[in-house]
C-alpha atoms as a PDB file:
ATOM      1  CA  MET A   1      98.968  95.754 139.844  1.00  0.00           C
ATOM      2  CA  LYS A   2      95.447  95.215 138.613  1.00  0.00           C
ATOM      3  CA  LYS A   3      94.271  91.832 137.430  1.00  0.00           C
ATOM      4  CA  SER A   4      93.654  93.163 133.913  1.00  0.00           C
ATOM      5  CA  ASP A   5      97.233  94.518 133.760  1.00  0.00           C
ATOM      6  CA  ALA A   6      98.573  91.137 134.824  1.00  0.00           C
ATOM      7  CA  ILE A   7      96.647  89.470 132.033  1.00  0.00           C
ATOM      8  CA  HIS A   8      98.056  91.860 129.431  1.00  0.00           C
ATOM      9  CA  THR A   9     101.652  91.404 130.670  1.00  0.00           C
ATOM     10  CA  LYS A  10     101.460  87.614 130.858  1.00  0.00           C
ATOM     11  CA  LYS A  11     104.345  85.968 129.048  1.00  0.00           C
ATOM     12  CA  PRO A  12     103.575  83.569 126.210  1.00  0.00           C
ATOM     13  CA  GLY A  13     103.597  79.935 127.204  1.00  0.00           C
ATOM     14  CA  PRO A  14     105.469  77.020 125.587  1.00  0.00           C
ATOM     15  CA  GLY A  15     102.436  76.157 123.467  1.00  0.00           C
ATOM     16  CA  GLN A  16     102.494  79.558 121.792  1.00  0.00           C
ATOM     17  CA  TYR A  17     106.182  79.191 120.949  1.00  0.00           C
ATOM     18  CA  VAL A  18     105.513  75.764 119.436  1.00  0.00           C
ATOM     19  CA  LEU A  19     102.602  77.157 117.418  1.00  0.00           C
ATOM     20  CA  ALA A  20     104.723  80.080 116.209  1.00  0.00           C
ATOM     21  CA  PHE A  21     107.470  77.647 115.168  1.00  0.00           C
ATOM     22  CA  PHE A  22     105.089  75.513 113.098  1.00  0.00           C
ATOM     23  CA  LEU A  23     103.538  78.620 111.533  1.00  0.00           C
ATOM     24  CA  PHE A  24     107.020  79.810 110.601  1.00  0.00           C
ATOM     25  CA  LEU A  25     107.782  76.443 108.990  1.00  0.00           C
ATOM     26  CA  TYR A  26     104.469  76.521 107.110  1.00  0.00           C
ATOM     27  CA  THR A  27     105.188  80.037 105.831  1.00  0.00           C
ATOM     28  CA  PHE A  28     108.709  79.056 104.849  1.00  0.00           C
ATOM     29  CA  PHE A  29     107.582  76.030 102.823  1.00  0.00           C
ATOM     30  CA  CYS A  30     104.849  78.101 101.145  1.00  0.00           C
ATOM     31  CA  ALA A  31     107.459  80.673 100.127  1.00  0.00           C
ATOM     32  CA  LEU A  32     109.868  78.095  98.650  1.00  0.00           C
ATOM     33  CA  PRO A  33     108.126  77.811  95.235  1.00  0.00           C
ATOM     34  CA  ILE A  34     108.104  81.603  94.846  1.00  0.00           C
ATOM     35  CA  ILE A  35     111.784  81.771  95.761  1.00  0.00           C
ATOM     36  CA  LEU A  36     112.533  79.022  93.231  1.00  0.00           C
ATOM     37  CA  ILE A  37     110.699  80.946  90.502  1.00  0.00           C
ATOM     38  CA  PHE A  38     112.668  84.080  91.322  1.00  0.00           C
ATOM     39  CA  VAL A  39     116.004  82.228  91.318  1.00  0.00           C
ATOM     40  CA  SER A  40     115.185  80.340  88.093  1.00  0.00           C
ATOM     41  CA  ALA A  41     114.292  83.569  86.305  1.00  0.00           C
ATOM     42  CA  PHE A  42     117.864  84.791  86.888  1.00  0.00           C
ATOM     43  CA  THR A  43     119.592  81.454  86.210  1.00  0.00           C
ATOM     44  CA  ASP A  44     121.573  80.774  83.067  1.00  0.00           C
ATOM     45  CA  GLU A  45     119.639  78.563  80.629  1.00  0.00           C
ATOM     46  CA  ALA A  46     122.544  76.162  80.148  1.00  0.00           C
ATOM     47  CA  VAL A  47     122.626  75.560  83.904  1.00  0.00           C
ATOM     48  CA  LEU A  48     118.868  74.911  83.958  1.00  0.00           C
ATOM     49  CA  THR A  49     119.192  72.474  81.076  1.00  0.00           C
ATOM     50  CA  ARG A  50     122.111  70.648  82.674  1.00  0.00           C
ATOM     51  CA  GLU A  51     121.247  70.751  86.394  1.00  0.00           C
ATOM     52  CA  GLY A  52     117.519  71.452  86.435  1.00  0.00           C
ATOM     53  CA  PHE A  53     115.806  73.924  88.745  1.00  0.00           C
ATOM     54  CA  THR A  54     117.896  74.624  91.830  1.00  0.00           C
ATOM     55  CA  TYR A  55     118.065  77.204  94.583  1.00  0.00           C
ATOM     56  CA  PHE A  56     121.850  77.549  94.181  1.00  0.00           C
ATOM     57  CA  PRO A  57     122.640  77.836  90.468  1.00  0.00           C
ATOM     58  CA  GLY A  58     126.215  77.791  89.255  1.00  0.00           C
ATOM     59  CA  LYS A  59     125.725  80.763  86.941  1.00  0.00           C
ATOM     60  CA  TRP A  60     123.357  83.731  86.921  1.00  0.00           C
ATOM     61  CA  SER A  61     121.883  85.401  83.844  1.00  0.00           C
ATOM     62  CA  THR A  62     119.254  87.979  82.904  1.00  0.00           C
ATOM     63  CA  GLU A  63     118.747  86.585  79.391  1.00  0.00           C
ATOM     64  CA  GLY A  64     115.273  85.295  80.293  1.00  0.00           C
ATOM     65  CA  PHE A  65     114.112  88.796  81.170  1.00  0.00           C
ATOM     66  CA  MET A  66     115.820  90.180  78.081  1.00  0.00           C
ATOM     67  CA  VAL A  67     113.709  87.900  75.881  1.00  0.00           C
ATOM     68  CA  VAL A  68     110.518  89.223  77.467  1.00  0.00           C
ATOM     69  CA  LEU A  69     111.658  92.848  77.477  1.00  0.00           C
ATOM     70  CA  ARG A  70     112.363  92.708  73.731  1.00  0.00           C
ATOM     71  CA  TYR A  71     108.609  93.128  73.358  1.00  0.00           C
ATOM     72  CA  GLY A  72     109.037  96.509  75.073  1.00  0.00           C
ATOM     73  CA  LYS A  73     106.352  98.562  73.312  1.00  0.00           C
ATOM     74  CA  GLN A  74     103.789  95.763  73.180  1.00  0.00           C
ATOM     75  CA  LEU A  75     104.599  94.825  76.770  1.00  0.00           C
ATOM     76  CA  ALA A  76     103.848  98.387  77.909  1.00  0.00           C
ATOM     77  CA  ILE A  77     100.595  98.411  75.907  1.00  0.00           C
ATOM     78  CA  SER A  78      99.499  95.066  77.344  1.00  0.00           C
ATOM     79  CA  TYR A  79     100.356  96.209  80.863  1.00  0.00           C
ATOM     80  CA  GLY A  80      98.184  99.292  80.321  1.00  0.00           C
ATOM     81  CA  VAL A  81      95.301  97.173  78.990  1.00  0.00           C
ATOM     82  CA  THR A  82      95.480  94.797  81.954  1.00  0.00           C
ATOM     83  CA  ILE A  83      95.659  97.618  84.494  1.00  0.00           C
ATOM     84  CA  GLY A  84      92.740  99.431  82.834  1.00  0.00           C
ATOM     85  CA  VAL A  85      90.613  96.269  82.662  1.00  0.00           C
ATOM     86  CA  THR A  86      91.421  95.386  86.283  1.00  0.00           C
ATOM     87  CA  LEU A  87      90.602  98.821  87.691  1.00  0.00           C
ATOM     88  CA  THR A  88      87.476  99.376  85.567  1.00  0.00           C
ATOM     89  CA  GLY A  89      86.101  95.880  86.076  1.00  0.00           C
ATOM     90  CA  THR A  90      86.750  95.898  89.822  1.00  0.00           C
ATOM     91  CA  LEU A  91      85.199  99.328  90.427  1.00  0.00           C
ATOM     92  CA  LEU A  92      82.151  98.637  88.245  1.00  0.00           C
ATOM     93  CA  GLY A  93      81.696  95.204  89.777  1.00  0.00           C
ATOM     94  CA  LEU A  94      81.864  96.531  93.329  1.00  0.00           C
ATOM     95  CA  LEU A  95      79.339  99.261  92.495  1.00  0.00           C
ATOM     96  CA  PHE A  96      76.887  96.902  90.788  1.00  0.00           C
ATOM     97  CA  MET A  97      77.144  94.105  93.351  1.00  0.00           C
ATOM     98  CA  SER A  98      77.031  96.353  96.407  1.00  0.00           C
ATOM     99  CA  MET A  99      73.849  98.025  95.130  1.00  0.00           C
ATOM    100  CA  PHE A 100      72.384  94.628  94.256  1.00  0.00           C
ATOM    101  CA  SER A 101      73.303  93.235  97.684  1.00  0.00           C
ATOM    102  CA  TYR A 102      71.810  96.244  99.444  1.00  0.00           C
ATOM    103  CA  SER A 103      68.501  95.806  97.615  1.00  0.00           C
ATOM    104  CA  LEU A 104      68.366  92.142  98.681  1.00  0.00           C
ATOM    105  CA  THR A 105      68.620  93.158 102.348  1.00  0.00           C
ATOM    106  CA  ARG A 106      65.572  95.451 102.190  1.00  0.00           C
ATOM    107  CA  LYS A 107      62.589  93.560 103.578  1.00  0.00           C
ATOM    108  CA  GLU A 108      60.117  95.835 101.816  1.00  0.00           C
ATOM    109  CA  PHE A 109      61.654  95.299  98.353  1.00  0.00           C
ATOM    110  CA  PHE A 110      59.034  93.327  96.406  1.00  0.00           C
ATOM    111  CA  LEU A 111      61.519  91.787  93.907  1.00  0.00           C
ATOM    112  CA  LYS A 112      63.771  90.416  96.622  1.00  0.00           C
ATOM    113  CA  LYS A 113      62.836  86.725  96.236  1.00  0.00           C
ATOM    114  CA  PHE A 114      62.773  86.874  92.441  1.00  0.00           C
ATOM    115  CA  LEU A 115      66.224  88.441  92.188  1.00  0.00           C
ATOM    116  CA  THR A 116      67.644  85.954  94.696  1.00  0.00           C
ATOM    117  CA  VAL A 117      66.530  83.075  92.477  1.00  0.00           C
ATOM    118  CA  PHE A 118      67.631  85.017  89.382  1.00  0.00           C
ATOM    119  CA  ILE A 119      71.256  85.307  90.515  1.00  0.00           C
ATOM    120  CA  THR A 120      71.373  81.751  91.862  1.00  0.00           C
ATOM    121  CA  ILE A 121      70.508  80.081  88.538  1.00  0.00           C
ATOM    122  CA  PRO A 122      73.716  81.144  86.689  1.00  0.00           C
ATOM    123  CA  MET A 123      75.785  79.799  89.588  1.00  0.00           C
ATOM    124  CA  LEU A 124      74.231  76.333  89.109  1.00  0.00           C
ATOM    125  CA  PHE A 125      73.703  76.225  85.331  1.00  0.00           C
ATOM    126  CA  SER A 126      75.661  77.615  82.402  1.00  0.00           C
ATOM    127  CA  GLY A 127      75.003  77.787  78.676  1.00  0.00           C
ATOM    128  CA  GLY A 128      78.607  76.853  77.945  1.00  0.00           C
ATOM    129  CA  GLN A 129      81.509  78.549  76.199  1.00  0.00           C
ATOM    130  CA  LEU A 130      80.126  78.043  72.673  1.00  0.00           C
ATOM    131  CA  ALA A 131      76.785  79.647  73.510  1.00  0.00           C
ATOM    132  CA  SER A 132      78.533  82.594  75.142  1.00  0.00           C
ATOM    133  CA  TYR A 133      80.792  83.057  72.114  1.00  0.00           C
ATOM    134  CA  ILE A 134      77.865  83.041  69.674  1.00  0.00           C
ATOM    135  CA  VAL A 135      75.831  85.499  71.750  1.00  0.00           C
ATOM    136  CA  ASN A 136      78.743  87.892  72.314  1.00  0.00           C
ATOM    137  CA  THR A 137      79.917  87.902  68.705  1.00  0.00           C
ATOM    138  CA  ALA A 138      76.796  87.319  66.590  1.00  0.00           C
ATOM    139  CA  VAL A 139      74.111  88.947  68.754  1.00  0.00           C
ATOM    140  CA  TYR A 140      75.983  91.719  70.584  1.00  0.00           C
ATOM    141  CA  ASN A 141      78.625  92.212  67.830  1.00  0.00           C
ATOM    142  CA  MET A 142      81.344  92.715  70.447  1.00  0.00           C
ATOM    143  CA  LYS A 143      84.135  90.767  68.757  1.00  0.00           C
ATOM    144  CA  ASP A 144      87.502  92.402  69.530  1.00  0.00           C
ATOM    145  CA  SER A 145      85.876  94.662  72.145  1.00  0.00           C
ATOM    146  CA  ILE A 146      87.664  95.525  75.360  1.00  0.00           C
ATOM    147  CA  TRP A 147      84.315  95.401  77.185  1.00  0.00           C
ATOM    148  CA  LEU A 148      84.237  91.621  76.768  1.00  0.00           C
ATOM    149  CA  LEU A 149      87.203  91.513  79.133  1.00  0.00           C
ATOM    150  CA  ILE A 150      85.351  93.637  81.706  1.00  0.00           C
ATOM    151  CA  LEU A 151      81.605  93.002  81.773  1.00  0.00           C
ATOM    152  CA  PRO A 152      81.485  89.168  82.146  1.00  0.00           C
ATOM    153  CA  GLY A 153      83.510  89.339  85.357  1.00  0.00           C
ATOM    154  CA  CYS A 154      81.713  92.273  86.964  1.00  0.00           C
ATOM    155  CA  VAL A 155      78.987  90.247  88.675  1.00  0.00           C
ATOM    156  CA  SER A 156      79.458  87.083  90.703  1.00  0.00           C
ATOM    157  CA  THR A 157      76.744  85.325  92.675  1.00  0.00           C
ATOM    158  CA  MET A 158      79.133  84.306  95.443  1.00  0.00           C
ATOM    159  CA  ASN A 159      80.430  87.863  95.863  1.00  0.00           C
ATOM    160  CA  ILE A 160      76.856  89.159  96.049  1.00  0.00           C
ATOM    161  CA  ILE A 161      76.119  86.637  98.795  1.00  0.00           C
ATOM    162  CA  ILE A 162      79.228  87.742 100.718  1.00  0.00           C
ATOM    163  CA  LEU A 163      78.265  91.425 100.473  1.00  0.00           C
ATOM    164  CA  ARG A 164      74.640  90.754 101.352  1.00  0.00           C
ATOM    165  CA  THR A 165      75.645  88.728 104.414  1.00  0.00           C
ATOM    166  CA  TYR A 166      78.025  91.482 105.500  1.00  0.00           C
ATOM    167  CA  ILE A 167      75.285  94.121 105.291  1.00  0.00           C
ATOM    168  CA  GLN A 168      72.836  91.942 107.215  1.00  0.00           C
ATOM    169  CA  THR A 169      75.279  91.186 110.027  1.00  0.00           C
ATOM    170  CA  SER A 170      77.423  94.315 110.258  1.00  0.00           C
ATOM    171  CA  VAL A 171      75.209  97.278 109.318  1.00  0.00           C
ATOM    172  CA  PRO A 172      72.760  97.953 112.205  1.00  0.00           C
ATOM    173  CA  GLU A 173      69.144  98.126 111.096  1.00  0.00           C
ATOM    174  CA  GLU A 174      68.554 100.766 113.758  1.00  0.00           C
ATOM    175  CA  LEU A 175      70.994 103.022 111.906  1.00  0.00           C
ATOM    176  CA  MET A 176      69.011 102.646 108.695  1.00  0.00           C
ATOM    177  CA  GLU A 177      65.729 103.334 110.494  1.00  0.00           C
ATOM    178  CA  SER A 178      67.104 106.502 112.074  1.00  0.00           C
ATOM    179  CA  ALA A 179      68.273 107.652 108.640  1.00  0.00           C
ATOM    180  CA  ARG A 180      64.783 107.165 107.238  1.00  0.00           C
ATOM    181  CA  ILE A 181      63.293 109.099 110.149  1.00  0.00           C
ATOM    182  CA  ASP A 182      65.625 111.968 109.257  1.00  0.00           C
ATOM    183  CA  GLY A 183      64.262 111.900 105.714  1.00  0.00           C
ATOM    184  CA  ALA A 184      67.007 109.970 103.911  1.00  0.00           C
ATOM    185  CA  GLY A 185      65.953 108.029 100.826  1.00  0.00           C
ATOM    186  CA  GLU A 186      67.324 104.683  99.695  1.00  0.00           C
ATOM    187  CA  TYR A 187      70.096 106.186  97.544  1.00  0.00           C
ATOM    188  CA  ARG A 188      71.298 108.453 100.343  1.00  0.00           C
ATOM    189  CA  ALA A 189      71.057 105.655 102.902  1.00  0.00           C
ATOM    190  CA  PHE A 190      73.147 103.439 100.657  1.00  0.00           C
ATOM    191  CA  PHE A 191      75.858 105.855  99.493  1.00  0.00           C
ATOM    192  CA  GLN A 192      76.287 107.835 102.721  1.00  0.00           C
ATOM    193  CA  ILE A 193      75.661 105.175 105.398  1.00  0.00           C
ATOM    194  CA  THR A 194      75.851 101.593 104.112  1.00  0.00           C
ATOM    195  CA  LEU A 195      78.635 101.928 101.549  1.00  0.00           C
ATOM    196  CA  PRO A 196      81.191 103.522 103.944  1.00  0.00           C
ATOM    197  CA  LEU A 197      80.519 100.753 106.492  1.00  0.00           C
ATOM    198  CA  MET A 198      81.185  98.091 103.832  1.00  0.00           C
ATOM    199  CA  LYS A 199      84.876  98.958 103.354  1.00  0.00           C
ATOM    200  CA  PRO A 200      86.261  95.662 104.767  1.00  0.00           C
ATOM    201  CA  ALA A 201      83.894  93.552 102.647  1.00  0.00           C
ATOM    202  CA  LEU A 202      84.475  95.698  99.566  1.00  0.00           C
ATOM    203  CA  ALA A 203      88.248  95.438 100.013  1.00  0.00           C
ATOM    204  CA  SER A 204      88.187  91.646 100.318  1.00  0.00           C
ATOM    205  CA  VAL A 205      85.794  91.128  97.404  1.00  0.00           C
ATOM    206  CA  GLY A 206      87.606  93.774  95.363  1.00  0.00           C
ATOM    207  CA  PHE A 207      90.940  92.044  95.846  1.00  0.00           C
ATOM    208  CA  MET A 208      89.501  88.720  94.668  1.00  0.00           C
ATOM    209  CA  MET A 209      87.931  90.426  91.656  1.00  0.00           C
ATOM    210  CA  ALA A 210      91.126  92.302  90.809  1.00  0.00           C
ATOM    211  CA  THR A 211      93.111  89.056  90.961  1.00  0.00           C
ATOM    212  CA  GLY A 212      90.601  87.406  88.632  1.00  0.00           C
ATOM    213  CA  PHE A 213      90.736  90.261  86.114  1.00  0.00           C
ATOM    214  CA  TRP A 214      94.533  90.388  86.304  1.00  0.00           C
ATOM    215  CA  ASN A 215      94.927  86.659  85.576  1.00  0.00           C
ATOM    216  CA  GLU A 216      92.197  86.377  82.935  1.00  0.00           C
ATOM    217  CA  TRP A 217      93.390  85.362  79.480  1.00  0.00           C
ATOM    218  CA  GLN A 218      90.839  82.913  78.033  1.00  0.00           C
ATOM    219  CA  GLY A 219      88.376  85.664  77.120  1.00  0.00           C
ATOM    220  CA  ALA A 220      91.143  87.604  75.384  1.00  0.00           C
ATOM    221  CA  LEU A 221      92.214  84.483  73.502  1.00  0.00           C
ATOM    222  CA  LEU A 222      88.665  83.994  72.209  1.00  0.00           C
ATOM    223  CA  TYR A 223      87.630  87.548  71.406  1.00  0.00           C
ATOM    224  CA  ILE A 224      90.647  89.871  71.102  1.00  0.00           C
ATOM    225  CA  THR A 225      92.525  90.107  67.793  1.00  0.00           C
ATOM    226  CA  SER A 226      94.049  93.609  67.898  1.00  0.00           C
ATOM    227  CA  ASP A 227      97.511  93.982  69.413  1.00  0.00           C
ATOM    228  CA  SER A 228      96.421  97.247  71.031  1.00  0.00           C
ATOM    229  CA  LYS A 229      93.814  95.360  73.106  1.00  0.00           C
ATOM    230  CA  LYS A 230      95.790  92.285  74.142  1.00  0.00           C
ATOM    231  CA  PRO A 231      96.171  91.964  77.925  1.00  0.00           C
ATOM    232  CA  LEU A 232      99.425  91.092  79.603  1.00  0.00           C
ATOM    233  CA  GLN A 233      98.663  87.409  80.199  1.00  0.00           C
ATOM    234  CA  LEU A 234      97.826  86.744  76.539  1.00  0.00           C
ATOM    235  CA  LEU A 235     101.027  88.457  75.403  1.00  0.00           C
ATOM    236  CA  LEU A 236     103.160  86.394  77.766  1.00  0.00           C
ATOM    237  CA  ILE A 237     101.457  83.195  76.631  1.00  0.00           C
ATOM    238  CA  ASN A 238     102.246  84.142  73.030  1.00  0.00           C
ATOM    239  CA  ILE A 239     105.890  84.744  73.982  1.00  0.00           C
ATOM    240  CA  SER A 240     106.130  81.293  75.571  1.00  0.00           C
ATOM    241  CA  LYS A 241     104.483  79.696  72.543  1.00  0.00           C
ATOM    242  CA  SER A 242     106.900  81.482  70.210  1.00  0.00           C
ATOM    243  CA  ILE A 243     109.860  80.025  72.097  1.00  0.00           C
ATOM    244  CA  ASP A 244     108.319  76.532  72.029  1.00  0.00           C
ATOM    245  CA  ILE A 245     107.638  76.775  68.291  1.00  0.00           C
ATOM    246  CA  LEU A 246     111.231  77.866  67.686  1.00  0.00           C
ATOM    247  CA  LEU A 247     112.669  74.955  69.659  1.00  0.00           C
ATOM    248  CA  ASN A 248     110.302  72.362  68.140  1.00  0.00           C
ATOM    249  CA  SER A 249     110.191  73.537  64.544  1.00  0.00           C
ATOM    250  CA  ARG A 250     110.642  70.780  61.966  1.00  0.00           C
ATOM    251  CA  ASN A 251     111.913  73.259  59.389  1.00  0.00           C
ATOM    252  CA  ILE A 252     115.125  73.819  61.373  1.00  0.00           C
ATOM    253  CA  PRO A 253     117.902  71.220  60.950  1.00  0.00           C
ATOM    254  CA  SER A 254     118.464  68.963  63.934  1.00  0.00           C
ATOM    255  CA  SER A 255     122.053  70.141  64.252  1.00  0.00           C
ATOM    256  CA  ALA A 256     120.871  73.745  64.576  1.00  0.00           C
ATOM    257  CA  LEU A 257     118.227  72.748  67.131  1.00  0.00           C
ATOM    258  CA  ALA A 258     120.850  70.906  69.147  1.00  0.00           C
ATOM    259  CA  ALA A 259     123.051  73.977  69.090  1.00  0.00           C
ATOM    260  CA  MET A 260     120.199  76.160  70.320  1.00  0.00           C
ATOM    261  CA  GLN A 261     119.505  73.911  73.308  1.00  0.00           C
ATOM    262  CA  GLY A 262     120.732  75.810  76.328  1.00  0.00           C
ATOM    263  CA  SER A 263     121.210  79.045  74.391  1.00  0.00           C
ATOM    264  CA  VAL A 264     117.533  79.934  73.895  1.00  0.00           C
ATOM    265  CA  PRO A 265     116.296  80.766  77.431  1.00  0.00           C
ATOM    266  CA  ALA A 266     113.038  78.837  77.303  1.00  0.00           C
ATOM    267  CA  ASN A 267     112.853  77.925  81.001  1.00  0.00           C
ATOM    268  CA  SER A 268     114.272  81.147  82.419  1.00  0.00           C
ATOM    269  CA  ALA A 269     112.019  83.211  80.124  1.00  0.00           C
ATOM    270  CA  THR A 270     109.004  81.237  81.361  1.00  0.00           C
ATOM    271  CA  MET A 271     109.935  81.961  84.965  1.00  0.00           C
ATOM    272  CA  ALA A 272     110.471  85.623  84.058  1.00  0.00           C
ATOM    273  CA  THR A 273     106.967  85.821  82.613  1.00  0.00           C
ATOM    274  CA  VAL A 274     105.574  84.313  85.827  1.00  0.00           C
ATOM    275  CA  LEU A 275     107.335  86.980  87.885  1.00  0.00           C
ATOM    276  CA  ILE A 276     106.046  89.737  85.623  1.00  0.00           C
ATOM    277  CA  VAL A 277     102.488  88.472  86.085  1.00  0.00           C
ATOM    278  CA  ILE A 278     102.451  87.816  89.835  1.00  0.00           C
ATOM    279  CA  GLY A 279     104.789  90.655  90.828  1.00  0.00           C
ATOM    280  CA  PRO A 280     102.150  93.423  91.094  1.00  0.00           C
ATOM    281  CA  ILE A 281      99.750  91.137  92.989  1.00  0.00           C
ATOM    282  CA  MET A 282     102.474  90.262  95.499  1.00  0.00           C
ATOM    283  CA  VAL A 283     103.218  93.954  96.024  1.00  0.00           C
ATOM    284  CA  VAL A 284      99.573  94.986  96.465  1.00  0.00           C
ATOM    285  CA  TYR A 285      98.373  92.077  98.618  1.00  0.00           C
ATOM    286  CA  PRO A 286      99.998  93.148 101.938  1.00  0.00           C
ATOM    287  CA  PHE A 287      98.088  96.449 101.823  1.00  0.00           C
ATOM    288  CA  PHE A 288      94.756  94.613 101.494  1.00  0.00           C
ATOM    289  CA  GLN A 289      95.474  91.725 103.845  1.00  0.00           C
ATOM    290  CA  LYS A 290      93.895  93.229 106.959  1.00  0.00           C
ATOM    291  CA  TYR A 291      90.732  94.146 105.045  1.00  0.00           C
ATOM    292  CA  PHE A 292      90.737  90.785 103.299  1.00  0.00           C
ATOM    293  CA  VAL A 293      90.694  88.839 106.567  1.00  0.00           C
ATOM    294  CA  LYS A 294      88.267  91.168 108.328  1.00  0.00           C
ATOM    295  CA  GLY A 295      85.850  91.296 105.408  1.00  0.00           C
ATOM    296  CA  LEU A 296      85.536  87.540 105.292  1.00  0.00           C
ATOM    297  CA  THR A 297      85.277  86.961 109.048  1.00  0.00           C
ATOM    298  CA  VAL A 298      83.167  89.865 110.316  1.00  0.00           C
ATOM    299  CA  GLY A 299      79.610  88.639 110.674  1.00  0.00           C
ATOM    300  CA  SER A 300      80.582  84.984 111.031  1.00  0.00           C
ATOM    301  CA  VAL A 301      79.904  85.295 114.774  1.00  0.00           C
ATOM    302  CA  LYS A 302      77.044  87.554 115.721  1.00  0.00           C
ATOM    303  CA  GLY A 303      76.672  88.763 119.257  1.00  0.00           C
END
C-alpha cells in the first residue's frame, strides 16, 4: 500500500469524534427555536395561553394558519410581489455590482480611484430616512412605485468590495491579457471570461441580496399604498396588527374580550406568519450553501 493510500484510509481519531459531537450539539441547539416556531404554529391557542410555548403541546390545531389563509387572494398577490421584487432586484443588483467591481479591478481605468471613494461615502454617511423619503416622493415622484422596493437595494458597497476582491484574487490576470491579445474587448472579456468565473461569489452575494429583498418591509410601509403592490412581509405585519387591535380594542366589552382570550389564535397565527416568511428561504438555502461558503472564502488565502 502506498503512503498516500494509507493517509486517505486513516481512521478518524478521538478528537474528530469529540469535535463532531460538539458540532452536532451546536446544530441541535440552533435548530431548537425553529422547531419551537413550527410546533407553536400548529398548537391550539388555548394551550398556548394556558401553558405557554412548549415542544409537547397537549392539543394541536391549524387555526393559526387558517387565520392567515383567509387572506387567500391578497396573500397570493403579496407572494407574487415579493417573488418578483426579490428576483428582479437580485438579478439587477448582481449585474450592476459585478460590472462596477470589474471596472475597479482594471488598472488602466482612469476613474478607478474616484469611483472607489464615491461608493465608500454612502457606507459611512447617510442623509437619513426623512431625506430619502422627500427625494423619492417629491423629486422623483415615485410614491407607490414598485421600483422603490427594488432600486435602493440593488447596490451595496460591501457587496462591491466582496466581488472586487474575488476578481482580483481568483480571476488570473494572464487570462485577461491573453483575451486581449486575441482581440477581445472589455465587454467580451467581462461577459465571456470574468462573469462565468464569478459564479461562487455571485451565488453568495446573490443569496444575501435575495434574503434582504425577501425580508424588506420598511420601504413598503413608507411608500406603498396599493394592495396590489404590497409585499408579503407588509401583509403579514398588517394581519398581526389586526389581531392585536381586535384583542385590545376599547370598544369591545371586557366580558367579550375575556371570552375571546384563547379563541382568537394570536400567538399561533404569529408563528404561522413566521413560517410563511422563512419557509422559502429555508428551502432554497441548502442549494446555495456550497457556493455561499466558497464565494466568501476563496481568495482569503492566496498561493
